[in-house]
Protein backbone atom coordinates (compact mmCIF):
# COMPACT_ATOMS: atom_id res chain seq x y z
CA UNK A 1 20.54 18.66 11.27
CA UNK A 2 22.50 18.76 8.04
CA UNK A 3 21.84 15.89 5.65
CA UNK A 4 24.20 15.34 2.72
CA UNK A 5 23.52 12.85 -0.04
CA UNK A 6 26.30 11.59 -2.27
CA UNK A 7 24.19 10.62 -5.30
CA UNK A 8 27.16 9.14 -7.17
CA UNK A 9 27.67 6.62 -4.34
CA UNK A 10 24.02 5.61 -3.93
CA UNK A 11 23.45 1.95 -4.80
CA UNK A 12 19.64 2.35 -4.88
CA UNK A 13 18.97 -0.21 -2.15
CA UNK A 14 15.98 1.75 -0.82
CA UNK A 15 16.81 1.14 2.82
CA UNK A 16 16.80 4.87 3.51
CA UNK A 17 13.31 5.32 2.10
CA UNK A 18 12.04 2.36 4.09
CA UNK A 19 13.70 3.51 7.29
CA UNK A 20 12.80 7.23 7.12
CA UNK A 21 10.00 7.55 4.52
CA UNK A 22 9.12 11.08 5.58
CA UNK A 23 12.62 12.27 4.75
CA UNK A 24 13.96 10.09 1.89
CA UNK A 25 12.59 8.77 -1.36
CA UNK A 26 14.04 7.34 -4.56
CA UNK A 27 13.95 8.64 -8.12
CA UNK A 28 11.76 6.46 -10.31
CA UNK A 29 14.17 6.42 -13.24
CA UNK A 30 17.22 5.07 -11.39
CA UNK A 31 16.37 4.54 -7.71
CA UNK A 32 18.84 7.11 -6.45
CA UNK A 33 17.94 8.62 -3.08
CA UNK A 34 16.67 12.18 -2.78
CA UNK A 35 15.50 14.32 0.13
CA UNK A 36 11.83 14.94 0.72
CA UNK A 37 12.59 17.08 3.75
CA UNK A 38 15.95 18.85 4.08
CA UNK A 39 15.08 20.09 7.59
CA UNK A 40 13.21 17.27 9.35
CA UNK A 41 11.51 17.78 12.69
CA UNK A 42 13.54 16.67 15.73
CA UNK A 43 11.15 13.74 16.18
CA UNK A 44 12.51 12.30 12.89
CA UNK A 45 16.22 12.73 13.67
CA UNK A 46 16.64 9.21 15.06
CA UNK A 47 15.09 7.71 11.90
CA UNK A 48 17.36 9.81 9.70
CA UNK A 49 20.47 8.71 11.59
CA UNK A 50 19.35 5.09 11.43
CA UNK A 51 18.81 5.37 7.67
CA UNK A 52 22.31 6.80 7.23
CA UNK A 53 23.83 4.00 9.33
CA UNK A 54 21.96 1.32 7.37
CA UNK A 55 22.93 2.66 3.92
CA UNK A 56 25.09 -0.06 2.36
CA UNK A 57 27.02 2.43 0.24
CA UNK A 58 27.31 5.12 2.95
CA UNK A 59 25.79 7.66 0.57
CA UNK A 60 24.05 9.59 3.37
CA UNK A 61 25.90 11.78 5.85
CA UNK A 62 24.18 13.34 8.85
CA UNK A 63 25.56 16.08 11.04
CA UNK A 64 23.85 17.53 14.10
CA UNK A 65 23.88 21.31 14.07
CA UNK A 66 23.75 22.92 17.52
CA UNK A 67 20.82 25.27 18.01
């Protein structure tokens, strides 16, 4: 899984961190999303995709990489 974050588009809603807290968090100073885990376990992939879909500013892109 390849996760790309477009920091300049993040609106700091926090939905990603609430949806996939093992993978995403927010910077304290401005609330912008950052990755806690750039290579999450397969068991977290559904949460990561859900977080990307829920992002109101579409700042998270997820691509499945074939094994």
